[in-house]
Amino acid sequence: MVVVENMGEEKKSDREHQNIILKDRRKLLITGVHNVESFNEESIVVDTQLGLVVVRGIDMHINKLDVESAALDVEGEIGLIEYLDNTVPQRKGGFFSGLFK
C-alpha cells in the first residue's frame, strides 16, 4: 500500500489536507476532491485542493464520489497518478540525463 499525504504548513485548515491511498495498484482513494473534470476507463482528471490530478490505467471505474467528505473511490488497473501544475520545475531530458552530464 502506498500513502501520499500533504503535510504542508500548519496554518492550513483541515479542509486543505489531501490523501492519496493506492492499494495493490487496484484500489485508489483520493480525498480533498473538488470535482471530477472528466473520466473514462483509461483516464480520470480530478480537481483537488492541491491542483489537478490525472489518474491513468485500464478498466478503471468510479465506485463512489462522496461530496460531503470530498472523497473519490476508484477501482481498476492504476498505472499513473500525476499532478498537473507548474509549481514543480520540470527536468529536461529525464532521469538519465542528470546522471550523464
PDB file of N, CA and C in Angstrom:
ATOM      1  N   MET A   1       0.842  -1.166   0.000  1.00  0.00           N
ATOM      2  CA  MET A   1       0.000   0.000   0.000  1.00  0.00           C
ATOM      3  C   MET A   1       0.892   1.235   0.000  1.00  0.00           C
ATOM      4  N   VAL A   2       0.527   2.230  -0.799  1.00  0.00           N
ATOM      5  CA  VAL A   2       1.236   3.496  -0.870  1.00  0.00           C
ATOM      6  C   VAL A   2       0.318   4.576  -0.322  1.00  0.00           C
ATOM      7  N   VAL A   3       0.818   5.415   0.584  1.00  0.00           N
ATOM      8  CA  VAL A   3       0.042   6.521   1.125  1.00  0.00           C
ATOM      9  C   VAL A   3       0.827   7.795   0.902  1.00  0.00           C
ATOM     10  N   VAL A   4       0.207   8.762   0.212  1.00  0.00           N
ATOM     11  CA  VAL A   4       0.825  10.061  -0.022  1.00  0.00           C
ATOM     12  C   VAL A   4      -0.020  11.076   0.733  1.00  0.00           C
ATOM     13  N   GLU A   5       0.600  11.818   1.640  1.00  0.00           N
ATOM     14  CA  GLU A   5      -0.142  12.796   2.423  1.00  0.00           C
ATOM     15  C   GLU A   5       0.446  14.179   2.241  1.00  0.00           C
ATOM     16  N   ASN A   6      -0.424  15.175   2.273  1.00  0.00           N
ATOM     17  CA  ASN A   6       0.008  16.560   2.254  1.00  0.00           C
ATOM     18  C   ASN A   6       0.315  16.957   3.685  1.00  0.00           C
ATOM     19  N   MET A   7       1.559  17.219   3.983  1.00  0.00           N
ATOM     20  CA  MET A   7       1.965  17.620   5.326  1.00  0.00           C
ATOM     21  C   MET A   7       2.454  19.061   5.268  1.00  0.00           C
ATOM     22  N   GLY A   8       1.690  19.934   4.625  1.00  0.00           N
ATOM     23  CA  GLY A   8       2.086  21.322   4.374  1.00  0.00           C
ATOM     24  C   GLY A   8       2.093  22.168   5.629  1.00  0.00           C
ATOM     25  N   GLU A   9       1.964  23.460   5.443  1.00  0.00           N
ATOM     26  CA  GLU A   9       2.041  24.432   6.519  1.00  0.00           C
ATOM     27  C   GLU A   9       0.977  24.162   7.576  1.00  0.00           C
ATOM     28  N   GLU A  10       1.306  24.471   8.826  1.00  0.00           N
ATOM     29  CA  GLU A  10       0.378  24.265   9.926  1.00  0.00           C
ATOM     30  C   GLU A  10      -0.806  25.219   9.858  1.00  0.00           C
ATOM     31  N   LYS A  11      -0.689  26.330   9.147  1.00  0.00           N
ATOM     32  CA  LYS A  11      -1.753  27.324   9.072  1.00  0.00           C
ATOM     33  C   LYS A  11      -2.920  26.866   8.212  1.00  0.00           C
ATOM     34  N   LYS A  12      -2.726  25.835   7.403  1.00  0.00           N
ATOM     35  CA  LYS A  12      -3.797  25.367   6.541  1.00  0.00           C
ATOM     36  C   LYS A  12      -4.884  24.695   7.374  1.00  0.00           C
ATOM     37  N   SER A  13      -6.123  24.892   6.967  1.00  0.00           N
ATOM     38  CA  SER A  13      -7.234  24.290   7.687  1.00  0.00           C
ATOM     39  C   SER A  13      -7.331  22.807   7.354  1.00  0.00           C
ATOM     40  N   ASP A  14      -8.164  22.097   8.118  1.00  0.00           N
ATOM     41  CA  ASP A  14      -8.348  20.667   7.877  1.00  0.00           C
ATOM     42  C   ASP A  14      -8.914  20.394   6.490  1.00  0.00           C
ATOM     43  N   ARG A  15      -9.659  21.315   5.925  1.00  0.00           N
ATOM     44  CA  ARG A  15     -10.248  21.109   4.599  1.00  0.00           C
ATOM     45  C   ARG A  15      -9.198  21.153   3.503  1.00  0.00           C
ATOM     46  N   GLU A  16      -7.987  21.601   3.807  1.00  0.00           N
ATOM     47  CA  GLU A  16      -6.952  21.703   2.791  1.00  0.00           C
ATOM     48  C   GLU A  16      -6.005  20.504   2.798  1.00  0.00           C
ATOM     49  N   HIS A  17      -6.311  19.472   3.550  1.00  0.00           N
ATOM     50  CA  HIS A  17      -5.493  18.267   3.541  1.00  0.00           C
ATOM     51  C   HIS A  17      -5.939  17.358   2.404  1.00  0.00           C
ATOM     52  N   GLN A  18      -4.974  16.625   1.878  1.00  0.00           N
ATOM     53  CA  GLN A  18      -5.297  15.691   0.812  1.00  0.00           C
ATOM     54  C   GLN A  18      -4.498  14.420   1.010  1.00  0.00           C
ATOM     55  N   ASN A  19      -5.156  13.291   0.826  1.00  0.00           N
ATOM     56  CA  ASN A  19      -4.501  11.991   0.876  1.00  0.00           C
ATOM     57  C   ASN A  19      -4.773  11.251  -0.419  1.00  0.00           C
ATOM     58  N   ILE A  20      -3.770  10.519  -0.869  1.00  0.00           N
ATOM     59  CA  ILE A  20      -3.933   9.613  -1.996  1.00  0.00           C
ATOM     60  C   ILE A  20      -3.483   8.250  -1.504  1.00  0.00           C
ATOM     61  N   ILE A  21      -4.409   7.291  -1.476  1.00  0.00           N
ATOM     62  CA  ILE A  21      -4.113   5.953  -0.977  1.00  0.00           C
ATOM     63  C   ILE A  21      -4.328   4.967  -2.124  1.00  0.00           C
ATOM     64  N   LEU A  22      -3.264   4.242  -2.459  1.00  0.00           N
ATOM     65  CA  LEU A  22      -3.307   3.251  -3.531  1.00  0.00           C
ATOM     66  C   LEU A  22      -3.032   1.885  -2.931  1.00  0.00           C
ATOM     67  N   LYS A  23      -3.948   0.946  -3.120  1.00  0.00           N
ATOM     68  CA  LYS A  23      -3.802  -0.412  -2.606  1.00  0.00           C
ATOM     69  C   LYS A  23      -3.649  -1.381  -3.772  1.00  0.00           C
ATOM     70  N   ASP A  24      -2.511  -2.052  -3.806  1.00  0.00           N
ATOM     71  CA  ASP A  24      -2.248  -3.117  -4.785  1.00  0.00           C
ATOM     72  C   ASP A  24      -2.451  -2.684  -6.237  1.00  0.00           C
ATOM     73  N   ARG A  25      -2.294  -1.395  -6.507  1.00  0.00           N
ATOM     74  CA  ARG A  25      -2.492  -0.830  -7.856  1.00  0.00           C
ATOM     75  C   ARG A  25      -3.874  -1.138  -8.423  1.00  0.00           C
ATOM     76  N   ARG A  26      -4.834  -1.466  -7.559  1.00  0.00           N
ATOM     77  CA  ARG A  26      -6.187  -1.792  -7.999  1.00  0.00           C
ATOM     78  C   ARG A  26      -7.251  -0.880  -7.382  1.00  0.00           C
ATOM     79  N   LYS A  27      -6.997  -0.389  -6.172  1.00  0.00           N
ATOM     80  CA  LYS A  27      -7.979   0.460  -5.485  1.00  0.00           C
ATOM     81  C   LYS A  27      -7.319   1.771  -5.113  1.00  0.00           C
ATOM     82  N   LEU A  28      -8.008   2.869  -5.422  1.00  0.00           N
ATOM     83  CA  LEU A  28      -7.470   4.200  -5.199  1.00  0.00           C
ATOM     84  C   LEU A  28      -8.500   5.038  -4.451  1.00  0.00           C
ATOM     85  N   LEU A  29      -8.032   5.728  -3.405  1.00  0.00           N
ATOM     86  CA  LEU A  29      -8.876   6.661  -2.676  1.00  0.00           C
ATOM     87  C   LEU A  29      -8.180   8.010  -2.655  1.00  0.00           C
ATOM     88  N   ILE A  30      -8.860   9.035  -3.131  1.00  0.00           N
ATOM     89  CA  ILE A  30      -8.330  10.402  -3.137  1.00  0.00           C
ATOM     90  C   ILE A  30      -9.266  11.250  -2.293  1.00  0.00           C
ATOM     91  N   THR A  31      -8.716  11.959  -1.299  1.00  0.00           N
ATOM     92  CA  THR A  31      -9.513  12.893  -0.507  1.00  0.00           C
ATOM     93  C   THR A  31      -9.137  14.317  -0.897  1.00  0.00           C
ATOM     94  N   GLY A  32      -9.950  15.269  -0.506  1.00  0.00           N
ATOM     95  CA  GLY A  32      -9.718  16.658  -0.878  1.00  0.00           C
ATOM     96  C   GLY A  32     -10.171  16.956  -2.292  1.00  0.00           C
ATOM     97  N   VAL A  33     -11.169  16.214  -2.771  1.00  0.00           N
ATOM     98  CA  VAL A  33     -11.650  16.340  -4.151  1.00  0.00           C
ATOM     99  C   VAL A  33     -12.697  17.442  -4.243  1.00  0.00           C
ATOM    100  N   HIS A  34     -12.498  18.357  -5.210  1.00  0.00           N
ATOM    101  CA  HIS A  34     -13.499  19.386  -5.503  1.00  0.00           C
ATOM    102  C   HIS A  34     -14.470  18.914  -6.582  1.00  0.00           C
ATOM    103  N   ASN A  35     -13.909  18.308  -7.645  1.00  0.00           N
ATOM    104  CA  ASN A  35     -14.721  17.988  -8.807  1.00  0.00           C
ATOM    105  C   ASN A  35     -14.010  16.942  -9.661  1.00  0.00           C
ATOM    106  N   VAL A  36     -14.769  16.081 -10.319  1.00  0.00           N
ATOM    107  CA  VAL A  36     -14.218  15.185 -11.329  1.00  0.00           C
ATOM    108  C   VAL A  36     -14.431  15.870 -12.671  1.00  0.00           C
ATOM    109  N   GLU A  37     -13.329  16.312 -13.287  1.00  0.00           N
ATOM    110  CA  GLU A  37     -13.410  17.067 -14.540  1.00  0.00           C
ATOM    111  C   GLU A  37     -13.809  16.172 -15.710  1.00  0.00           C
ATOM    112  N   SER A  38     -13.203  14.982 -15.801  1.00  0.00           N
ATOM    113  CA  SER A  38     -13.543  14.041 -16.871  1.00  0.00           C
ATOM    114  C   SER A  38     -13.108  12.646 -16.449  1.00  0.00           C
ATOM    115  N   PHE A  39     -13.742  11.647 -17.046  1.00  0.00           N
ATOM    116  CA  PHE A  39     -13.345  10.273 -16.752  1.00  0.00           C
ATOM    117  C   PHE A  39     -13.800   9.333 -17.861  1.00  0.00           C
ATOM    118  N   ASN A  40     -13.020   8.296 -18.050  1.00  0.00           N
ATOM    119  CA  ASN A  40     -13.379   7.142 -18.870  1.00  0.00           C
ATOM    120  C   ASN A  40     -12.610   5.954 -18.300  1.00  0.00           C
ATOM    121  N   GLU A  41     -12.593   4.836 -18.992  1.00  0.00           N
ATOM    122  CA  GLU A  41     -11.947   3.637 -18.460  1.00  0.00           C
ATOM    123  C   GLU A  41     -10.429   3.739 -18.415  1.00  0.00           C
ATOM    124  N   GLU A  42      -9.843   4.723 -19.117  1.00  0.00           N
ATOM    125  CA  GLU A  42      -8.382   4.837 -19.189  1.00  0.00           C
ATOM    126  C   GLU A  42      -7.824   6.080 -18.514  1.00  0.00           C
ATOM    127  N   SER A  43      -8.665   7.072 -18.195  1.00  0.00           N
ATOM    128  CA  SER A  43      -8.165   8.327 -17.639  1.00  0.00           C
ATOM    129  C   SER A  43      -9.228   9.007 -16.782  1.00  0.00           C
ATOM    130  N   ILE A  44      -8.788   9.516 -15.639  1.00  0.00           N
ATOM    131  CA  ILE A  44      -9.668  10.296 -14.764  1.00  0.00           C
ATOM    132  C   ILE A  44      -8.923  11.577 -14.415  1.00  0.00           C
ATOM    133  N   VAL A  45      -9.569  12.727 -14.612  1.00  0.00           N
ATOM    134  CA  VAL A  45      -8.996  14.020 -14.263  1.00  0.00           C
ATOM    135  C   VAL A  45      -9.809  14.580 -13.108  1.00  0.00           C
ATOM    136  N   VAL A  46      -9.112  14.845 -11.985  1.00  0.00           N
ATOM    137  CA  VAL A  46      -9.768  15.254 -10.754  1.00  0.00           C
ATOM    138  C   VAL A  46      -9.221  16.613 -10.307  1.00  0.00           C
ATOM    139  N   ASP A  47     -10.120  17.544 -10.009  1.00  0.00           N
ATOM    140  CA  ASP A  47      -9.738  18.837  -9.437  1.00  0.00           C
ATOM    141  C   ASP A  47      -9.733  18.666  -7.925  1.00  0.00           C
ATOM    142  N   THR A  48      -8.558  18.829  -7.298  1.00  0.00           N
ATOM    143  CA  THR A  48      -8.421  18.649  -5.859  1.00  0.00           C
ATOM    144  C   THR A  48      -7.978  19.944  -5.202  1.00  0.00           C
ATOM    145  N   GLN A  49      -7.890  19.920  -3.891  1.00  0.00           N
ATOM    146  CA  GLN A  49      -7.465  21.096  -3.133  1.00  0.00           C
ATOM    147  C   GLN A  49      -6.026  21.475  -3.446  1.00  0.00           C
ATOM    148  N   LEU A  50      -5.237  20.539  -3.937  1.00  0.00           N
ATOM    149  CA  LEU A  50      -3.833  20.815  -4.251  1.00  0.00           C
ATOM    150  C   LEU A  50      -3.563  20.874  -5.747  1.00  0.00           C
ATOM    151  N   GLY A  51      -4.597  20.939  -6.572  1.00  0.00           N
ATOM    152  CA  GLY A  51      -4.424  21.045  -8.016  1.00  0.00           C
ATOM    153  C   GLY A  51      -5.045  19.869  -8.752  1.00  0.00           C
ATOM    154  N   LEU A  52      -4.884  19.879 -10.071  1.00  0.00           N
ATOM    155  CA  LEU A  52      -5.428  18.810 -10.903  1.00  0.00           C
ATOM    156  C   LEU A  52      -4.592  17.545 -10.758  1.00  0.00           C
ATOM    157  N   VAL A  53      -5.287  16.417 -10.628  1.00  0.00           N
ATOM    158  CA  VAL A  53      -4.642  15.110 -10.549  1.00  0.00           C
ATOM    159  C   VAL A  53      -5.168  14.283 -11.711  1.00  0.00           C
ATOM    160  N   VAL A  54      -4.250  13.650 -12.450  1.00  0.00           N
ATOM    161  CA  VAL A  54      -4.619  12.759 -13.539  1.00  0.00           C
ATOM    162  C   VAL A  54      -4.283  11.339 -13.113  1.00  0.00           C
ATOM    163  N   VAL A  55      -5.242  10.446 -13.282  1.00  0.00           N
ATOM    164  CA  VAL A  55      -5.046   9.029 -12.990  1.00  0.00           C
ATOM    165  C   VAL A  55      -5.228   8.296 -14.307  1.00  0.00           C
ATOM    166  N   ARG A  56      -4.239   7.490 -14.685  1.00  0.00           N
ATOM    167  CA  ARG A  56      -4.328   6.708 -15.922  1.00  0.00           C
ATOM    168  C   ARG A  56      -4.232   5.233 -15.592  1.00  0.00           C
ATOM    169  N   GLY A  57      -4.933   4.430 -16.377  1.00  0.00           N
ATOM    170  CA  GLY A  57      -4.927   2.994 -16.144  1.00  0.00           C
ATOM    171  C   GLY A  57      -5.794   2.274 -17.145  1.00  0.00           C
ATOM    172  N   ILE A  58      -6.217   1.071 -16.777  1.00  0.00           N
ATOM    173  CA  ILE A  58      -7.026   0.210 -17.649  1.00  0.00           C
ATOM    174  C   ILE A  58      -8.249  -0.244 -16.867  1.00  0.00           C
ATOM    175  N   ASP A  59      -9.392  -0.253 -17.523  1.00  0.00           N
ATOM    176  CA  ASP A  59     -10.653  -0.723 -16.931  1.00  0.00           C
ATOM    177  C   ASP A  59     -10.965  -0.031 -15.601  1.00  0.00           C
ATOM    178  N   MET A  60     -10.722   1.259 -15.526  1.00  0.00           N
ATOM    179  CA  MET A  60     -10.996   1.996 -14.293  1.00  0.00           C
ATOM    180  C   MET A  60     -12.464   2.411 -14.249  1.00  0.00           C
ATOM    181  N   HIS A  61     -13.024   2.394 -13.053  1.00  0.00           N
ATOM    182  CA  HIS A  61     -14.367   2.926 -12.861  1.00  0.00           C
ATOM    183  C   HIS A  61     -14.454   3.572 -11.476  1.00  0.00           C
ATOM    184  N   ILE A  62     -15.319   4.551 -11.380  1.00  0.00           N
ATOM    185  CA  ILE A  62     -15.521   5.276 -10.125  1.00  0.00           C
ATOM    186  C   ILE A  62     -16.580   4.539  -9.314  1.00  0.00           C
ATOM    187  N   ASN A  63     -16.172   4.060  -8.144  1.00  0.00           N
ATOM    188  CA  ASN A  63     -17.124   3.396  -7.255  1.00  0.00           C
ATOM    189  C   ASN A  63     -17.994   4.404  -6.527  1.00  0.00           C
ATOM    190  N   LYS A  64     -17.347   5.491  -6.057  1.00  0.00           N
ATOM    191  CA  LYS A  64     -18.089   6.445  -5.246  1.00  0.00           C
ATOM    192  C   LYS A  64     -17.405   7.802  -5.279  1.00  0.00           C
ATOM    193  N   LEU A  65     -18.202   8.841  -5.388  1.00  0.00           N
ATOM    194  CA  LEU A  65     -17.752  10.214  -5.212  1.00  0.00           C
ATOM    195  C   LEU A  65     -18.594  10.789  -4.091  1.00  0.00           C
ATOM    196  N   ASP A  66     -17.978  10.957  -2.916  1.00  0.00           N
ATOM    197  CA  ASP A  66     -18.679  11.448  -1.737  1.00  0.00           C
ATOM    198  C   ASP A  66     -18.442  12.953  -1.621  1.00  0.00           C
ATOM    199  N   VAL A  67     -19.473  13.734  -1.886  1.00  0.00           N
ATOM    200  CA  VAL A  67     -19.364  15.189  -1.884  1.00  0.00           C
ATOM    201  C   VAL A  67     -19.143  15.720  -0.463  1.00  0.00           C
ATOM    202  N   GLU A  68     -19.784  15.132   0.520  1.00  0.00           N
ATOM    203  CA  GLU A  68     -19.660  15.599   1.903  1.00  0.00           C
ATOM    204  C   GLU A  68     -18.244  15.444   2.439  1.00  0.00           C
ATOM    205  N   SER A  69     -17.624  14.290   2.212  1.00  0.00           N
ATOM    206  CA  SER A  69     -16.262  14.071   2.709  1.00  0.00           C
ATOM    207  C   SER A  69     -15.209  14.402   1.657  1.00  0.00           C
ATOM    208  N   ALA A  70     -15.618  14.822   0.467  1.00  0.00           N
ATOM    209  CA  ALA A  70     -14.721  15.193  -0.632  1.00  0.00           C
ATOM    210  C   ALA A  70     -13.773  14.056  -0.981  1.00  0.00           C
ATOM    211  N   ALA A  71     -14.321  12.823  -1.098  1.00  0.00           N
ATOM    212  CA  ALA A  71     -13.504  11.645  -1.366  1.00  0.00           C
ATOM    213  C   ALA A  71     -13.944  10.959  -2.658  1.00  0.00           C
ATOM    214  N   LEU A  72     -12.965  10.432  -3.376  1.00  0.00           N
ATOM    215  CA  LEU A  72     -13.206   9.705  -4.626  1.00  0.00           C
ATOM    216  C   LEU A  72     -12.643   8.306  -4.479  1.00  0.00           C
ATOM    217  N   ASP A  73     -13.449   7.285  -4.806  1.00  0.00           N
ATOM    218  CA  ASP A  73     -13.056   5.886  -4.711  1.00  0.00           C
ATOM    219  C   ASP A  73     -13.049   5.289  -6.118  1.00  0.00           C
ATOM    220  N   VAL A  74     -11.884   4.787  -6.552  1.00  0.00           N
ATOM    221  CA  VAL A  74     -11.703   4.285  -7.918  1.00  0.00           C
ATOM    222  C   VAL A  74     -11.169   2.854  -7.865  1.00  0.00           C
ATOM    223  N   GLU A  75     -11.620   2.010  -8.804  1.00  0.00           N
ATOM    224  CA  GLU A  75     -11.068   0.663  -8.969  1.00  0.00           C
ATOM    225  C   GLU A  75     -10.651   0.462 -10.411  1.00  0.00           C
ATOM    226  N   GLY A  76      -9.646  -0.370 -10.615  1.00  0.00           N
ATOM    227  CA  GLY A  76      -9.132  -0.697 -11.938  1.00  0.00           C
ATOM    228  C   GLY A  76      -7.639  -0.912 -11.856  1.00  0.00           C
ATOM    229  N   GLU A  77      -6.995  -1.093 -12.993  1.00  0.00           N
ATOM    230  CA  GLU A  77      -5.541  -1.232 -13.037  1.00  0.00           C
ATOM    231  C   GLU A  77      -4.925   0.151 -13.134  1.00  0.00           C
ATOM    232  N   ILE A  78      -4.397   0.657 -12.013  1.00  0.00           N
ATOM    233  CA  ILE A  78      -3.846   2.006 -11.945  1.00  0.00           C
ATOM    234  C   ILE A  78      -2.405   1.979 -12.429  1.00  0.00           C
ATOM    235  N   GLY A  79      -2.086   2.797 -13.424  1.00  0.00           N
ATOM    236  CA  GLY A  79      -0.737   2.838 -13.979  1.00  0.00           C
ATOM    237  C   GLY A  79       0.012   4.124 -13.678  1.00  0.00           C
ATOM    238  N   LEU A  80      -0.721   5.221 -13.433  1.00  0.00           N
ATOM    239  CA  LEU A  80      -0.070   6.520 -13.235  1.00  0.00           C
ATOM    240  C   LEU A  80      -0.965   7.431 -12.419  1.00  0.00           C
ATOM    241  N   ILE A  81      -0.345   8.150 -11.475  1.00  0.00           N
ATOM    242  CA  ILE A  81      -1.019   9.217 -10.741  1.00  0.00           C
ATOM    243  C   ILE A  81      -0.106  10.423 -10.848  1.00  0.00           C
ATOM    244  N   GLU A  82      -0.634  11.533 -11.392  1.00  0.00           N
ATOM    245  CA  GLU A  82       0.216  12.690 -11.681  1.00  0.00           C
ATOM    246  C   GLU A  82      -0.524  13.986 -11.368  1.00  0.00           C
ATOM    247  N   TYR A  83       0.191  14.915 -10.711  1.00  0.00           N
ATOM    248  CA  TYR A  83      -0.332  16.267 -10.513  1.00  0.00           C
ATOM    249  C   TYR A  83       0.003  17.097 -11.745  1.00  0.00           C
ATOM    250  N   LEU A  84      -0.970  17.880 -12.219  1.00  0.00           N
ATOM    251  CA  LEU A  84      -0.737  18.786 -13.333  1.00  0.00           C
ATOM    252  C   LEU A  84      -0.688  20.205 -12.790  1.00  0.00           C
ATOM    253  N   ASP A  85       0.519  20.677 -12.514  1.00  0.00           N
ATOM    254  CA  ASP A  85       0.668  22.047 -12.062  1.00  0.00           C
ATOM    255  C   ASP A  85       2.051  22.542 -12.441  1.00  0.00           C
ATOM    256  N   ASN A  86       2.260  23.823 -12.254  1.00  0.00           N
ATOM    257  CA  ASN A  86       3.525  24.435 -12.644  1.00  0.00           C
ATOM    258  C   ASN A  86       4.395  24.765 -11.440  1.00  0.00           C
ATOM    259  N   THR A  87       4.070  24.228 -10.261  1.00  0.00           N
ATOM    260  CA  THR A  87       4.837  24.564  -9.065  1.00  0.00           C
ATOM    261  C   THR A  87       6.145  23.797  -8.973  1.00  0.00           C
ATOM    262  N   VAL A  88       6.234  22.643  -9.624  1.00  0.00           N
ATOM    263  CA  VAL A  88       7.457  21.842  -9.593  1.00  0.00           C
ATOM    264  C   VAL A  88       8.167  22.017 -10.926  1.00  0.00           C
ATOM    265  N   PRO A  89       9.413  22.488 -10.927  1.00  0.00           N
ATOM    266  CA  PRO A  89      10.120  22.658 -12.198  1.00  0.00           C
ATOM    267  C   PRO A  89      10.351  21.312 -12.878  1.00  0.00           C
ATOM    268  N   GLN A  90      10.114  21.287 -14.177  1.00  0.00           N
ATOM    269  CA  GLN A  90      10.298  20.063 -14.953  1.00  0.00           C
ATOM    270  C   GLN A  90      11.749  19.915 -15.369  1.00  0.00           C
ATOM    271  N   ARG A  91      12.279  18.706 -15.227  1.00  0.00           N
ATOM    272  CA  ARG A  91      13.639  18.417 -15.653  1.00  0.00           C
ATOM    273  C   ARG A  91      13.660  18.135 -17.147  1.00  0.00           C
ATOM    274  N   LYS A  92      14.679  18.604 -17.816  1.00  0.00           N
ATOM    275  CA  LYS A  92      14.801  18.349 -19.247  1.00  0.00           C
ATOM    276  C   LYS A  92      15.601  17.072 -19.455  1.00  0.00           C
ATOM    277  N   GLY A  93      15.117  16.194 -20.307  1.00  0.00           N
ATOM    278  CA  GLY A  93      15.863  15.008 -20.681  1.00  0.00           C
ATOM    279  C   GLY A  93      15.645  13.793 -19.810  1.00  0.00           C
ATOM    280  N   GLY A  94      14.864  13.886 -18.757  1.00  0.00           N
ATOM    281  CA  GLY A  94      14.553  12.724 -17.950  1.00  0.00           C
ATOM    282  C   GLY A  94      15.611  12.385 -16.916  1.00  0.00           C
ATOM    283  N   PHE A  95      15.427  11.243 -16.331  1.00  0.00           N
ATOM    284  CA  PHE A  95      16.258  10.789 -15.208  1.00  0.00           C
ATOM    285  C   PHE A  95      17.721  10.587 -15.607  1.00  0.00           C
ATOM    286  N   PHE A  96      17.988   9.897 -16.695  1.00  0.00           N
ATOM    287  CA  PHE A  96      19.367   9.554 -17.083  1.00  0.00           C
ATOM    288  C   PHE A  96      20.174  10.748 -17.554  1.00  0.00           C
ATOM    289  N   SER A  97      19.533  11.799 -18.038  1.00  0.00           N
ATOM    290  CA  SER A  97      20.289  12.973 -18.485  1.00  0.00           C
ATOM    291  C   SER A  97      21.003  13.639 -17.309  1.00  0.00           C
ATOM    292  N   GLY A  98      20.419  13.566 -16.119  1.00  0.00           N
ATOM    293  CA  GLY A  98      21.062  14.123 -14.933  1.00  0.00           C
ATOM    294  C   GLY A  98      22.253  13.309 -14.490  1.00  0.00           C
ATOM    295  N   LEU A  99      22.249  12.033 -14.796  1.00  0.00           N
ATOM    296  CA  LEU A  99      23.368  11.167 -14.413  1.00  0.00           C
ATOM    297  C   LEU A  99      24.569  11.323 -15.320  1.00  0.00           C
ATOM    298  N   PHE A 100      24.344  11.605 -16.586  1.00  0.00           N
ATOM    299  CA  PHE A 100      25.428  11.646 -17.582  1.00  0.00           C
ATOM    300  C   PHE A 100      25.710  13.055 -18.070  1.00  0.00           C
ATOM    301  N   LYS A 101      25.982  13.972 -17.163  1.00  0.00           N
ATOM    302  CA  LYS A 101      26.320  15.350 -17.569  1.00  0.00           C
ATOM    303  C   LYS A 101      27.786  15.481 -17.796  1.00  0.00           C
TER     304      LYS A 101
END
